[in-house]
Amino acid sequence: MTTAPRPIAKAAVLDPTDLAPSLANSRIPLPAGVRPFQLNWPYIIVIGAYHVLALLAFLPGYFSWSGLILAIAGTHLCGLFGINLCYHRLLTHRGLKCPKWLEHGMVVIAMSCLQETPARWVAIHRRHHQFADEQPDPHTPLASFFWSHIGWILVHQPELSRLGIYERYAKDILRDRFYVALERHNWLVWINLLQMPLFFALGFATAWLSGETPAAATQTGLSILMFGVFVRTVLVWHITWAVNSVTHVWGYRNYETDEDSRNNIVVGLISNGEGWHNNHHADPRSARHGHRWWEIDNTWLTIRFLARIGLATDVVAPNAHLAGRPRGSRLTTRGTTGVPAE
């Protein structure tokens, strides 16, 4: 495994204390230009419809154990490879490099989770690091918990206009013609529409070839569609959103950073390592988020495996200087986007 050189951190503390919710500390206004609210109706309709269809999947006519297992496995794999490894640690923070065929393949997986295009996801997250828990932060819970979890998606934010944030935060992403094509040709929509008949066909064909009647095979196909697309997508949404909301409110802190990031055990486990969020804010470029032995980081374990078989290089390890910093010293993290300078 090759590793990239690391800058020296300003300060850190490894005492995992201070478990109190951070919302008690202060309240800040919503980002500039949000009020009066302009509802983002396309997002509201799609998010609402997915939640309704995900709930319908548990009705007797649609429920199946095979569908539920598929949803759980899909949540794990799509969240790990698509959102965590690709969108977050590879594209946003450049914590590793992969062959382009693998990078682009994982991007397709990420887009099947319906969490924006790569350029927009990266741009929003880099802005979050630059202004973490300040007013320009797109989704701080210091404005409100609901806002940080889902509210920020449901209204228009002028500061997140595509051209503005792309120019400032995602120029490196859009140098790749593949990502430009994804933006220009609405592939986010097409990928999510095309996966629906694919999941139905998978379920129908498997049941029909197993000897079920066409009617029974149709019911199986619908179950696989409901769980494989709608339940999986909603689960991945809420896990990602919990990193934005829960891990800036509840948990412990290994590092005394200048924002309210926390390590949350529950989110850390269900998100395959993204919930060790205080560690991540303290060392955003690191491809490893779990810094203590109990902080299980399945995404990092996957990156190590890819490195061993030659599919990941320039893997950025945790900053060795963090552990040696004086107890109680403060670590400045705001003001940077967590990506190396070009």
C-alpha atoms as a PDB file:
ATOM      1  CA  MET A   1       0.000   0.000   0.000  1.00  0.00           C
ATOM      2  CA  THR A   2       1.387   3.395  -0.914  1.00  0.00           C
ATOM      3  CA  THR A   3       0.647   6.352   1.302  1.00  0.00           C
ATOM      4  CA  ALA A   4       0.604  10.064   0.637  1.00  0.00           C
ATOM      5  CA  PRO A   5       2.635  12.537   2.745  1.00  0.00           C
ATOM      6  CA  ARG A   6       0.625  14.255   5.450  1.00  0.00           C
ATOM      7  CA  PRO A   7       0.695  17.837   6.768  1.00  0.00           C
ATOM      8  CA  ILE A   8       1.215  18.391  10.464  1.00  0.00           C
ATOM      9  CA  ALA A   9      -2.035  19.039  12.349  1.00  0.00           C
ATOM     10  CA  LYS A  10      -2.260  22.070  14.570  1.00  0.00           C
ATOM     11  CA  ALA A  11      -3.577  20.348  17.686  1.00  0.00           C
ATOM     12  CA  ALA A  12      -5.473  17.309  18.893  1.00  0.00           C
ATOM     13  CA  VAL A  13      -6.708  15.488  21.968  1.00  0.00           C
ATOM     14  CA  LEU A  14      -7.496  11.788  22.260  1.00  0.00           C
ATOM     15  CA  ASP A  15      -9.639  11.774  25.381  1.00  0.00           C
ATOM     16  CA  PRO A  16     -13.059  10.388  24.325  1.00  0.00           C
ATOM     17  CA  THR A  17     -15.141  12.481  26.678  1.00  0.00           C
ATOM     18  CA  ASP A  18     -17.669  15.265  26.419  1.00  0.00           C
ATOM     19  CA  LEU A  19     -20.700  13.142  25.583  1.00  0.00           C
ATOM     20  CA  ALA A  20     -23.290  15.896  25.997  1.00  0.00           C
ATOM     21  CA  PRO A  21     -25.360  16.935  22.981  1.00  0.00           C
ATOM     22  CA  SER A  22     -23.754  19.858  21.190  1.00  0.00           C
ATOM     23  CA  LEU A  23     -27.050  21.552  20.370  1.00  0.00           C
ATOM     24  CA  ALA A  24     -27.070  22.962  23.873  1.00  0.00           C
ATOM     25  CA  ASN A  25     -24.056  25.082  22.998  1.00  0.00           C
ATOM     26  CA  SER A  26     -25.564  27.571  20.565  1.00  0.00           C
ATOM     27  CA  ARG A  27     -28.037  28.198  17.791  1.00  0.00           C
ATOM     28  CA  ILE A  28     -27.212  29.771  14.462  1.00  0.00           C
ATOM     29  CA  PRO A  29     -29.368  31.129  11.627  1.00  0.00           C
ATOM     30  CA  LEU A  30     -30.136  29.142   8.518  1.00  0.00           C
ATOM     31  CA  PRO A  31     -27.820  29.750   5.539  1.00  0.00           C
ATOM     32  CA  ALA A  32     -28.180  33.107   3.812  1.00  0.00           C
ATOM     33  CA  GLY A  33     -30.991  33.384   1.279  1.00  0.00           C
ATOM     34  CA  VAL A  34     -32.978  30.389   2.522  1.00  0.00           C
ATOM     35  CA  ARG A  35     -35.775  32.515   4.004  1.00  0.00           C
ATOM     36  CA  PRO A  36     -38.434  32.980   2.830  1.00  0.00           C
ATOM     37  CA  PHE A  37     -38.547  29.269   2.067  1.00  0.00           C
ATOM     38  CA  GLN A  38     -38.908  28.179  -1.535  1.00  0.00           C
ATOM     39  CA  LEU A  39     -39.886  24.526  -1.463  1.00  0.00           C
ATOM     40  CA  ASN A  40     -37.956  22.221  -3.763  1.00  0.00           C
ATOM     41  CA  TRP A  41     -41.007  20.351  -5.040  1.00  0.00           C
ATOM     42  CA  PRO A  42     -39.239  17.794  -7.291  1.00  0.00           C
ATOM     43  CA  TYR A  43     -37.146  16.646  -4.333  1.00  0.00           C
ATOM     44  CA  ILE A  44     -40.122  16.675  -1.953  1.00  0.00           C
ATOM     45  CA  ILE A  45     -42.222  14.553  -4.314  1.00  0.00           C
ATOM     46  CA  VAL A  46     -39.474  12.016  -5.053  1.00  0.00           C
ATOM     47  CA  ILE A  47     -38.338  11.671  -1.428  1.00  0.00           C
ATOM     48  CA  GLY A  48     -41.947  11.389  -0.249  1.00  0.00           C
ATOM     49  CA  ALA A  49     -42.830   8.805  -2.905  1.00  0.00           C
ATOM     50  CA  TYR A  50     -39.783   6.672  -2.092  1.00  0.00           C
ATOM     51  CA  HIS A  51     -40.704   6.656   1.595  1.00  0.00           C
ATOM     52  CA  VAL A  52     -44.296   5.649   0.853  1.00  0.00           C
ATOM     53  CA  LEU A  53     -43.202   2.847  -1.503  1.00  0.00           C
ATOM     54  CA  ALA A  54     -40.606   1.666   1.008  1.00  0.00           C
ATOM     55  CA  LEU A  55     -43.331   1.353   3.656  1.00  0.00           C
ATOM     56  CA  LEU A  56     -45.660  -0.443   1.221  1.00  0.00           C
ATOM     57  CA  ALA A  57     -42.952  -3.067   0.705  1.00  0.00           C
ATOM     58  CA  PHE A  58     -43.727  -4.412   4.183  1.00  0.00           C
ATOM     59  CA  LEU A  59     -47.391  -5.128   3.354  1.00  0.00           C
ATOM     60  CA  PRO A  60     -48.285  -8.830   2.939  1.00  0.00           C
ATOM     61  CA  GLY A  61     -48.704  -8.540  -0.827  1.00  0.00           C
ATOM     62  CA  TYR A  62     -45.160  -7.299  -1.333  1.00  0.00           C
ATOM     63  CA  PHE A  63     -43.118  -8.530   1.614  1.00  0.00           C
ATOM     64  CA  SER A  64     -40.615 -11.344   1.160  1.00  0.00           C
ATOM     65  CA  TRP A  65     -37.614 -12.418   3.192  1.00  0.00           C
ATOM     66  CA  SER A  66     -35.512 -12.548   0.037  1.00  0.00           C
ATOM     67  CA  GLY A  67     -36.441  -8.948  -0.666  1.00  0.00           C
ATOM     68  CA  LEU A  68     -35.564  -7.862   2.876  1.00  0.00           C
ATOM     69  CA  ILE A  69     -32.186  -9.626   2.693  1.00  0.00           C
ATOM     70  CA  LEU A  70     -31.552  -7.952  -0.664  1.00  0.00           C
ATOM     71  CA  ALA A  71     -32.361  -4.522   0.816  1.00  0.00           C
ATOM     72  CA  ILE A  72     -29.992  -5.029   3.746  1.00  0.00           C
ATOM     73  CA  ALA A  73     -27.185  -6.341   1.532  1.00  0.00           C
ATOM     74  CA  GLY A  74     -27.770  -3.566  -1.006  1.00  0.00           C
ATOM     75  CA  THR A  75     -27.723  -0.915   1.710  1.00  0.00           C
ATOM     76  CA  HIS A  76     -24.393  -2.247   2.945  1.00  0.00           C
ATOM     77  CA  LEU A  77     -22.727  -2.591  -0.457  1.00  0.00           C
ATOM     78  CA  CYS A  78     -24.115   0.512  -2.178  1.00  0.00           C
ATOM     79  CA  GLY A  79     -23.486   2.698   0.835  1.00  0.00           C
ATOM     80  CA  LEU A  80     -19.970   1.333   1.323  1.00  0.00           C
ATOM     81  CA  PHE A  81     -18.715   1.326  -2.261  1.00  0.00           C
ATOM     82  CA  GLY A  82     -20.848   4.128  -3.691  1.00  0.00           C
ATOM     83  CA  ILE A  83     -21.226   6.794  -1.025  1.00  0.00           C
ATOM     84  CA  ASN A  84     -18.476   6.144   1.528  1.00  0.00           C
ATOM     85  CA  LEU A  85     -15.577   4.906  -0.560  1.00  0.00           C
ATOM     86  CA  CYS A  86     -16.255   6.639  -3.867  1.00  0.00           C
ATOM     87  CA  TYR A  87     -18.171   9.887  -3.309  1.00  0.00           C
ATOM     88  CA  HIS A  88     -16.646  10.671   0.078  1.00  0.00           C
ATOM     89  CA  ARG A  89     -13.166   9.285   0.598  1.00  0.00           C
ATOM     90  CA  LEU A  90     -12.030   9.050  -3.040  1.00  0.00           C
ATOM     91  CA  LEU A  91     -13.675  11.969  -4.864  1.00  0.00           C
ATOM     92  CA  THR A  92     -14.279  14.512  -2.096  1.00  0.00           C
ATOM     93  CA  HIS A  93     -11.115  14.135  -0.027  1.00  0.00           C
ATOM     94  CA  ARG A  94      -8.765  12.375  -2.470  1.00  0.00           C
ATOM     95  CA  GLY A  95      -7.831   9.872   0.235  1.00  0.00           C
ATOM     96  CA  LEU A  96      -6.888   7.284  -2.373  1.00  0.00           C
ATOM     97  CA  LYS A  97      -6.685   6.667  -6.089  1.00  0.00           C
ATOM     98  CA  CYS A  98      -8.324   3.902  -8.112  1.00  0.00           C
ATOM     99  CA  PRO A  99      -8.251   2.893 -11.783  1.00  0.00           C
ATOM    100  CA  LYS A 100     -10.752   4.987 -13.724  1.00  0.00           C
ATOM    101  CA  TRP A 101     -12.850   1.971 -14.686  1.00  0.00           C
ATOM    102  CA  LEU A 102     -13.300   1.122 -10.989  1.00  0.00           C
ATOM    103  CA  GLU A 103     -13.869   4.744  -9.968  1.00  0.00           C
ATOM    104  CA  HIS A 104     -16.527   5.248 -12.645  1.00  0.00           C
ATOM    105  CA  GLY A 105     -18.175   1.931 -11.812  1.00  0.00           C
ATOM    106  CA  MET A 106     -18.477   2.910  -8.152  1.00  0.00           C
ATOM    107  CA  VAL A 107     -19.889   6.284  -9.246  1.00  0.00           C
ATOM    108  CA  VAL A 108     -22.731   4.465 -11.020  1.00  0.00           C
ATOM    109  CA  ILE A 109     -23.395   2.534  -7.800  1.00  0.00           C
ATOM    110  CA  ALA A 110     -23.425   5.797  -5.849  1.00  0.00           C
ATOM    111  CA  MET A 111     -25.825   7.412  -8.296  1.00  0.00           C
ATOM    112  CA  SER A 112     -28.204   4.462  -7.892  1.00  0.00           C
ATOM    113  CA  CYS A 113     -28.594   5.697  -4.289  1.00  0.00           C
ATOM    114  CA  LEU A 114     -30.139   8.928  -5.633  1.00  0.00           C
ATOM    115  CA  GLN A 115     -27.844  11.265  -3.675  1.00  0.00           C
ATOM    116  CA  GLU A 116     -27.030  13.850  -6.321  1.00  0.00           C
ATOM    117  CA  THR A 117     -24.425  13.767  -9.067  1.00  0.00           C
ATOM    118  CA  PRO A 118     -20.767  13.289  -8.074  1.00  0.00           C
ATOM    119  CA  ALA A 119     -19.841  16.946  -8.685  1.00  0.00           C
ATOM    120  CA  ARG A 120     -22.710  18.320  -6.600  1.00  0.00           C
ATOM    121  CA  TRP A 121     -22.264  15.825  -3.752  1.00  0.00           C
ATOM    122  CA  VAL A 122     -18.551  16.618  -3.585  1.00  0.00           C
ATOM    123  CA  ALA A 123     -19.111  20.377  -3.747  1.00  0.00           C
ATOM    124  CA  ILE A 124     -21.683  20.399  -0.949  1.00  0.00           C
ATOM    125  CA  HIS A 125     -19.534  18.249   1.305  1.00  0.00           C
ATOM    126  CA  ARG A 126     -16.418  20.348   0.744  1.00  0.00           C
ATOM    127  CA  ARG A 127     -18.439  23.444   1.640  1.00  0.00           C
ATOM    128  CA  HIS A 128     -19.578  21.699   4.804  1.00  0.00           C
ATOM    129  CA  HIS A 129     -15.957  21.187   5.850  1.00  0.00           C
ATOM    130  CA  GLN A 130     -15.011  24.768   5.086  1.00  0.00           C
ATOM    131  CA  PHE A 131     -17.830  26.228   7.221  1.00  0.00           C
ATOM    132  CA  ALA A 132     -18.657  23.352   9.574  1.00  0.00           C
ATOM    133  CA  ASP A 133     -21.314  24.366  12.101  1.00  0.00           C
ATOM    134  CA  GLU A 134     -21.297  27.987  10.981  1.00  0.00           C
ATOM    135  CA  GLN A 135     -24.112  29.741   9.106  1.00  0.00           C
ATOM    136  CA  PRO A 136     -22.835  28.928   5.576  1.00  0.00           C
ATOM    137  CA  ASP A 137     -22.693  25.197   6.445  1.00  0.00           C
ATOM    138  CA  PRO A 138     -25.416  23.666   4.229  1.00  0.00           C
ATOM    139  CA  HIS A 139     -26.656  21.271   6.934  1.00  0.00           C
ATOM    140  CA  THR A 140     -25.571  22.062  10.489  1.00  0.00           C
ATOM    141  CA  PRO A 141     -27.822  20.847  13.336  1.00  0.00           C
ATOM    142  CA  LEU A 142     -27.019  24.090  15.149  1.00  0.00           C
ATOM    143  CA  ALA A 143     -29.725  25.572  12.917  1.00  0.00           C
ATOM    144  CA  SER A 144     -32.064  22.681  13.798  1.00  0.00           C
ATOM    145  CA  PHE A 145     -31.834  18.905  13.909  1.00  0.00           C
ATOM    146  CA  PHE A 146     -34.572  18.479  11.279  1.00  0.00           C
ATOM    147  CA  TRP A 147     -32.778  20.956   9.034  1.00  0.00           C
ATOM    148  CA  SER A 148     -29.508  19.027   9.208  1.00  0.00           C
ATOM    149  CA  HIS A 149     -31.147  15.645   8.623  1.00  0.00           C
ATOM    150  CA  ILE A 150     -33.492  16.369   5.721  1.00  0.00           C
ATOM    151  CA  GLY A 151     -34.847  19.921   5.777  1.00  0.00           C
ATOM    152  CA  TRP A 152     -31.888  21.406   3.911  1.00  0.00           C
ATOM    153  CA  ILE A 153     -32.699  19.183   0.916  1.00  0.00           C
ATOM    154  CA  LEU A 154     -36.355  20.201   0.743  1.00  0.00           C
ATOM    155  CA  VAL A 155     -35.846  23.929   0.134  1.00  0.00           C
ATOM    156  CA  HIS A 156     -33.792  25.949  -2.306  1.00  0.00           C
ATOM    157  CA  GLN A 157     -30.445  27.237  -1.027  1.00  0.00           C
ATOM    158  CA  PRO A 158     -29.137  30.042  -3.241  1.00  0.00           C
ATOM    159  CA  GLU A 159     -25.592  29.439  -2.011  1.00  0.00           C
ATOM    160  CA  LEU A 160     -25.764  25.902  -3.432  1.00  0.00           C
ATOM    161  CA  SER A 161     -26.589  26.948  -6.989  1.00  0.00           C
ATOM    162  CA  ARG A 162     -24.874  24.490  -9.283  1.00  0.00           C
ATOM    163  CA  LEU A 163     -22.675  26.871 -11.253  1.00  0.00           C
ATOM    164  CA  GLY A 164     -21.493  28.704  -8.151  1.00  0.00           C
ATOM    165  CA  ILE A 165     -20.496  25.710  -6.040  1.00  0.00           C
ATOM    166  CA  TYR A 166     -19.102  23.757  -9.003  1.00  0.00           C
ATOM    167  CA  GLU A 167     -16.723  26.583  -9.867  1.00  0.00           C
ATOM    168  CA  ARG A 168     -15.595  26.948  -6.273  1.00  0.00           C
ATOM    169  CA  TYR A 169     -15.579  23.357  -5.013  1.00  0.00           C
ATOM    170  CA  ALA A 170     -15.713  20.834  -7.862  1.00  0.00           C
ATOM    171  CA  LYS A 171     -13.499  22.048 -10.707  1.00  0.00           C
ATOM    172  CA  ASP A 172     -11.213  19.043 -10.293  1.00  0.00           C
ATOM    173  CA  ILE A 173     -14.151  16.648 -10.643  1.00  0.00           C
ATOM    174  CA  LEU A 174     -15.441  18.242 -13.843  1.00  0.00           C
ATOM    175  CA  ARG A 175     -12.074  17.997 -15.581  1.00  0.00           C
ATOM    176  CA  ASP A 176     -13.066  14.383 -16.234  1.00  0.00           C
ATOM    177  CA  ARG A 177     -15.381  14.257 -19.266  1.00  0.00           C
ATOM    178  CA  PHE A 178     -17.231  11.321 -17.725  1.00  0.00           C
ATOM    179  CA  TYR A 179     -18.512  13.552 -14.916  1.00  0.00           C
ATOM    180  CA  VAL A 180     -19.381  16.348 -17.321  1.00  0.00           C
ATOM    181  CA  ALA A 181     -21.495  13.887 -19.316  1.00  0.00           C
ATOM    182  CA  LEU A 182     -23.300  12.783 -16.143  1.00  0.00           C
ATOM    183  CA  GLU A 183     -24.268  16.403 -15.480  1.00  0.00           C
ATOM    184  CA  ARG A 184     -25.308  17.288 -19.027  1.00  0.00           C
ATOM    185  CA  HIS A 185     -27.388  14.223 -19.851  1.00  0.00           C
ATOM    186  CA  ASN A 186     -29.313  13.759 -16.575  1.00  0.00           C
ATOM    187  CA  TRP A 187     -27.780  10.363 -15.887  1.00  0.00           C
ATOM    188  CA  LEU A 188     -28.793  10.610 -12.235  1.00  0.00           C
ATOM    189  CA  VAL A 189     -32.410  10.321 -13.347  1.00  0.00           C
ATOM    190  CA  TRP A 190     -31.790   7.678 -16.009  1.00  0.00           C
ATOM    191  CA  ILE A 191     -29.770   5.392 -13.753  1.00  0.00           C
ATOM    192  CA  ASN A 192     -32.476   5.443 -11.110  1.00  0.00           C
ATOM    193  CA  LEU A 193     -35.235   4.801 -13.639  1.00  0.00           C
ATOM    194  CA  LEU A 194     -33.351   2.009 -15.419  1.00  0.00           C
ATOM    195  CA  GLN A 195     -32.604   0.098 -12.238  1.00  0.00           C
ATOM    196  CA  MET A 196     -36.328  -0.352 -11.528  1.00  0.00           C
ATOM    197  CA  PRO A 197     -37.154  -2.729 -14.437  1.00  0.00           C
ATOM    198  CA  LEU A 198     -33.824  -4.480 -13.855  1.00  0.00           C
ATOM    199  CA  PHE A 199     -34.707  -5.362 -10.266  1.00  0.00           C
ATOM    200  CA  PHE A 200     -38.213  -6.429 -11.277  1.00  0.00           C
ATOM    201  CA  ALA A 201     -36.848  -8.592 -14.082  1.00  0.00           C
ATOM    202  CA  LEU A 202     -34.338 -10.187 -11.736  1.00  0.00           C
ATOM    203  CA  GLY A 203     -37.031 -11.157  -9.271  1.00  0.00           C
ATOM    204  CA  PHE A 204     -39.505 -12.292 -11.934  1.00  0.00           C
ATOM    205  CA  ALA A 205     -36.949 -14.390 -13.842  1.00  0.00           C
ATOM    206  CA  THR A 206     -35.591 -16.053 -10.703  1.00  0.00           C
ATOM    207  CA  ALA A 207     -39.089 -17.000  -9.498  1.00  0.00           C
ATOM    208  CA  TRP A 208     -40.307 -18.131 -12.928  1.00  0.00           C
ATOM    209  CA  LEU A 209     -37.234 -20.286 -13.535  1.00  0.00           C
ATOM    210  CA  SER A 210     -37.782 -21.804 -10.087  1.00  0.00           C
ATOM    211  CA  GLY A 211     -41.180 -23.070 -11.222  1.00  0.00           C
ATOM    212  CA  GLU A 212     -43.518 -20.378  -9.921  1.00  0.00           C
ATOM    213  CA  THR A 213     -46.597 -19.352 -11.909  1.00  0.00           C
ATOM    214  CA  PRO A 214     -46.432 -16.085 -13.877  1.00  0.00           C
ATOM    215  CA  ALA A 215     -48.681 -14.437 -11.286  1.00  0.00           C
ATOM    216  CA  ALA A 216     -46.508 -15.578  -8.387  1.00  0.00           C
ATOM    217  CA  ALA A 217     -43.354 -14.598 -10.292  1.00  0.00           C
ATOM    218  CA  THR A 218     -44.831 -11.137 -10.859  1.00  0.00           C
ATOM    219  CA  GLN A 219     -45.437 -10.763  -7.133  1.00  0.00           C
ATOM    220  CA  THR A 220     -41.853 -11.829  -6.438  1.00  0.00           C
ATOM    221  CA  GLY A 221     -40.590  -9.349  -9.019  1.00  0.00           C
ATOM    222  CA  LEU A 222     -42.532  -6.541  -7.363  1.00  0.00           C
ATOM    223  CA  SER A 223     -41.135  -7.507  -3.966  1.00  0.00           C
ATOM    224  CA  ILE A 224     -37.567  -7.466  -5.264  1.00  0.00           C
ATOM    225  CA  LEU A 225     -38.240  -4.104  -6.915  1.00  0.00           C
ATOM    226  CA  MET A 226     -39.717  -2.585  -3.751  1.00  0.00           C
ATOM    227  CA  PHE A 227     -36.968  -3.791  -1.436  1.00  0.00           C
ATOM    228  CA  GLY A 228     -34.064  -3.634  -3.889  1.00  0.00           C
ATOM    229  CA  VAL A 229     -34.760  -0.056  -4.969  1.00  0.00           C
ATOM    230  CA  PHE A 230     -37.054   1.839  -2.618  1.00  0.00           C
ATOM    231  CA  VAL A 231     -36.251   0.304   0.781  1.00  0.00           C
ATOM    232  CA  ARG A 232     -32.526   0.221  -0.002  1.00  0.00           C
ATOM    233  CA  THR A 233     -32.470   3.828  -1.197  1.00  0.00           C
ATOM    234  CA  VAL A 234     -34.376   5.130   1.837  1.00  0.00           C
ATOM    235  CA  LEU A 235     -32.079   3.248   4.213  1.00  0.00           C
ATOM    236  CA  VAL A 236     -28.935   4.618   2.539  1.00  0.00           C
ATOM    237  CA  TRP A 237     -30.472   8.119   2.603  1.00  0.00           C
ATOM    238  CA  HIS A 238     -31.106   8.072   6.339  1.00  0.00           C
ATOM    239  CA  ILE A 239     -27.717   6.591   7.160  1.00  0.00           C
ATOM    240  CA  THR A 240     -26.016   9.352   5.166  1.00  0.00           C
ATOM    241  CA  TRP A 241     -28.287  12.015   6.645  1.00  0.00           C
ATOM    242  CA  ALA A 242     -27.558  10.712  10.170  1.00  0.00           C
ATOM    243  CA  VAL A 243     -23.886  11.514   9.604  1.00  0.00           C
ATOM    244  CA  ASN A 244     -24.927  15.121   8.885  1.00  0.00           C
ATOM    245  CA  SER A 245     -27.251  15.373  11.867  1.00  0.00           C
ATOM    246  CA  VAL A 246     -26.643  12.811  14.633  1.00  0.00           C
ATOM    247  CA  THR A 247     -22.839  12.931  14.526  1.00  0.00           C
ATOM    248  CA  HIS A 248     -22.817  16.677  15.108  1.00  0.00           C
ATOM    249  CA  VAL A 249     -25.047  16.295  18.182  1.00  0.00           C
ATOM    250  CA  TRP A 250     -24.473  13.045  20.110  1.00  0.00           C
ATOM    251  CA  GLY A 251     -21.295  11.110  20.772  1.00  0.00           C
ATOM    252  CA  TYR A 252     -17.772  11.437  22.094  1.00  0.00           C
ATOM    253  CA  ARG A 253     -14.786  13.407  20.820  1.00  0.00           C
ATOM    254  CA  ASN A 254     -11.261  12.085  20.344  1.00  0.00           C
ATOM    255  CA  TYR A 255     -10.162  15.522  19.119  1.00  0.00           C
ATOM    256  CA  GLU A 256     -11.027  19.005  20.361  1.00  0.00           C
ATOM    257  CA  THR A 257     -11.932  20.389  16.942  1.00  0.00           C
ATOM    258  CA  ASP A 258     -13.379  23.870  16.390  1.00  0.00           C
ATOM    259  CA  GLU A 259     -16.773  22.515  15.310  1.00  0.00           C
ATOM    260  CA  ASP A 260     -19.222  20.097  16.966  1.00  0.00           C
ATOM    261  CA  SER A 261     -18.391  16.831  15.203  1.00  0.00           C
ATOM    262  CA  ARG A 262     -18.813  13.670  17.283  1.00  0.00           C
ATOM    263  CA  ASN A 263     -18.005   9.977  17.051  1.00  0.00           C
ATOM    264  CA  ASN A 264     -21.307   8.117  17.337  1.00  0.00           C
ATOM    265  CA  ILE A 265     -21.069   4.368  17.905  1.00  0.00           C
ATOM    266  CA  VAL A 266     -24.444   3.465  16.381  1.00  0.00           C
ATOM    267  CA  VAL A 267     -23.936   5.583  13.248  1.00  0.00           C
ATOM    268  CA  GLY A 268     -20.329   4.417  13.024  1.00  0.00           C
ATOM    269  CA  LEU A 269     -21.422   0.793  12.839  1.00  0.00           C
ATOM    270  CA  ILE A 270     -24.433   1.078  10.526  1.00  0.00           C
ATOM    271  CA  SER A 271     -22.605   3.437   8.151  1.00  0.00           C
ATOM    272  CA  ASN A 272     -19.504   1.254   7.748  1.00  0.00           C
ATOM    273  CA  GLY A 273     -17.253   3.803   9.425  1.00  0.00           C
ATOM    274  CA  GLU A 274     -18.685   7.193   8.446  1.00  0.00           C
ATOM    275  CA  GLY A 275     -20.020   7.795  11.944  1.00  0.00           C
ATOM    276  CA  TRP A 276     -16.531   8.296  13.423  1.00  0.00           C
ATOM    277  CA  HIS A 277     -17.118  11.862  12.349  1.00  0.00           C
ATOM    278  CA  ASN A 278     -14.995  13.725  14.873  1.00  0.00           C
ATOM    279  CA  ASN A 279     -12.002  11.694  13.681  1.00  0.00           C
ATOM    280  CA  HIS A 280     -12.871  12.607  10.117  1.00  0.00           C
ATOM    281  CA  HIS A 281     -13.123  16.338  10.768  1.00  0.00           C
ATOM    282  CA  ALA A 282      -9.819  16.230  12.630  1.00  0.00           C
ATOM    283  CA  ASP A 283      -8.125  14.474   9.708  1.00  0.00           C
ATOM    284  CA  PRO A 284     -10.373  14.830   6.629  1.00  0.00           C
ATOM    285  CA  ARG A 285      -7.910  13.560   4.030  1.00  0.00           C
ATOM    286  CA  SER A 286      -7.320  10.266   5.803  1.00  0.00           C
ATOM    287  CA  ALA A 287      -8.963   7.273   4.133  1.00  0.00           C
ATOM    288  CA  ARG A 288      -9.309   5.724   7.592  1.00  0.00           C
ATOM    289  CA  HIS A 289     -11.999   7.142   9.889  1.00  0.00           C
ATOM    290  CA  GLY A 290     -11.782   4.683  12.783  1.00  0.00           C
ATOM    291  CA  HIS A 291      -8.809   5.702  14.959  1.00  0.00           C
ATOM    292  CA  ARG A 292      -9.410   3.566  18.067  1.00  0.00           C
ATOM    293  CA  TRP A 293      -9.457  -0.240  18.116  1.00  0.00           C
ATOM    294  CA  TRP A 294     -13.212  -0.330  18.767  1.00  0.00           C
ATOM    295  CA  GLU A 295     -14.002   2.137  15.968  1.00  0.00           C
ATOM    296  CA  ILE A 296     -14.769  -0.451  13.294  1.00  0.00           C
ATOM    297  CA  ASP A 297     -14.399   1.032   9.828  1.00  0.00           C
ATOM    298  CA  ASN A 298     -15.475  -1.434   7.148  1.00  0.00           C
ATOM    299  CA  THR A 299     -14.877   1.120   4.424  1.00  0.00           C
ATOM    300  CA  TRP A 300     -11.241   1.384   5.495  1.00  0.00           C
ATOM    301  CA  LEU A 301     -10.924  -2.418   5.566  1.00  0.00           C
ATOM    302  CA  THR A 302     -12.266  -2.497   2.012  1.00  0.00           C
ATOM    303  CA  ILE A 303      -9.748   0.151   0.928  1.00  0.00           C
ATOM    304  CA  ARG A 304      -6.928  -1.902   2.471  1.00  0.00           C
ATOM    305  CA  PHE A 305      -8.097  -4.959   0.535  1.00  0.00           C
ATOM    306  CA  LEU A 306      -8.228  -2.990  -2.717  1.00  0.00           C
ATOM    307  CA  ALA A 307      -4.722  -1.717  -2.020  1.00  0.00           C
ATOM    308  CA  ARG A 308      -3.412  -5.238  -1.467  1.00  0.00           C
ATOM    309  CA  ILE A 309      -4.725  -6.430  -4.811  1.00  0.00           C
ATOM    310  CA  GLY A 310      -3.430  -3.341  -6.598  1.00  0.00           C
ATOM    311  CA  LEU A 311      -6.729  -1.504  -7.121  1.00  0.00           C
ATOM    312  CA  ALA A 312      -6.062   1.342  -4.684  1.00  0.00           C
ATOM    313  CA  THR A 313      -2.916   3.473  -4.524  1.00  0.00           C
ATOM    314  CA  ASP A 314      -1.767   6.665  -2.794  1.00  0.00           C
ATOM    315  CA  VAL A 315      -3.878   5.719   0.206  1.00  0.00           C
ATOM    316  CA  VAL A 316      -3.737   8.499   2.807  1.00  0.00           C
ATOM    317  CA  ALA A 317      -3.161   7.108   6.295  1.00  0.00           C
ATOM    318  CA  PRO A 318      -4.142   8.891   9.537  1.00  0.00           C
ATOM    319  CA  ASN A 319      -1.907  11.785  10.503  1.00  0.00           C
ATOM    320  CA  ALA A 320       0.667  10.381  12.927  1.00  0.00           C
ATOM    321  CA  HIS A 321       1.081  13.782  14.596  1.00  0.00           C
ATOM    322  CA  LEU A 322      -2.468  13.795  15.975  1.00  0.00           C
ATOM    323  CA  ALA A 323      -1.834  11.259  18.723  1.00  0.00           C
ATOM    324  CA  GLY A 324       1.143  13.213  20.044  1.00  0.00           C
ATOM    325  CA  ARG A 325      -0.622  16.520  20.547  1.00  0.00           C
ATOM    326  CA  PRO A 326      -0.998  17.910  24.093  1.00  0.00           C
ATOM    327  CA  ARG A 327      -4.133  16.958  25.991  1.00  0.00           C
ATOM    328  CA  GLY A 328      -6.806  19.660  25.795  1.00  0.00           C
ATOM    329  CA  SER A 329      -5.242  21.518  22.871  1.00  0.00           C
ATOM    330  CA  ARG A 330      -7.552  22.776  20.154  1.00  0.00           C
ATOM    331  CA  LEU A 331      -7.486  21.638  16.549  1.00  0.00           C
ATOM    332  CA  THR A 332      -8.453  24.117  13.837  1.00  0.00           C
ATOM    333  CA  THR A 333     -10.382  22.430  11.030  1.00  0.00           C
ATOM    334  CA  ARG A 334     -12.579  25.165   9.536  1.00  0.00           C
ATOM    335  CA  GLY A 335     -11.456  27.241   6.596  1.00  0.00           C
ATOM    336  CA  THR A 336     -10.298  24.326   4.449  1.00  0.00           C
ATOM    337  CA  THR A 337     -12.254  21.946   2.243  1.00  0.00           C
ATOM    338  CA  GLY A 338     -10.389  18.804   3.255  1.00  0.00           C
ATOM    339  CA  VAL A 339      -8.837  18.329  -0.172  1.00  0.00           C
ATOM    340  CA  PRO A 340      -5.212  18.864  -1.247  1.00  0.00           C
ATOM    341  CA  ALA A 341      -4.367  22.113  -2.988  1.00  0.00           C
ATOM    342  CA  GLU A 342      -4.094  21.879  -6.749  1.00  0.00           C
END
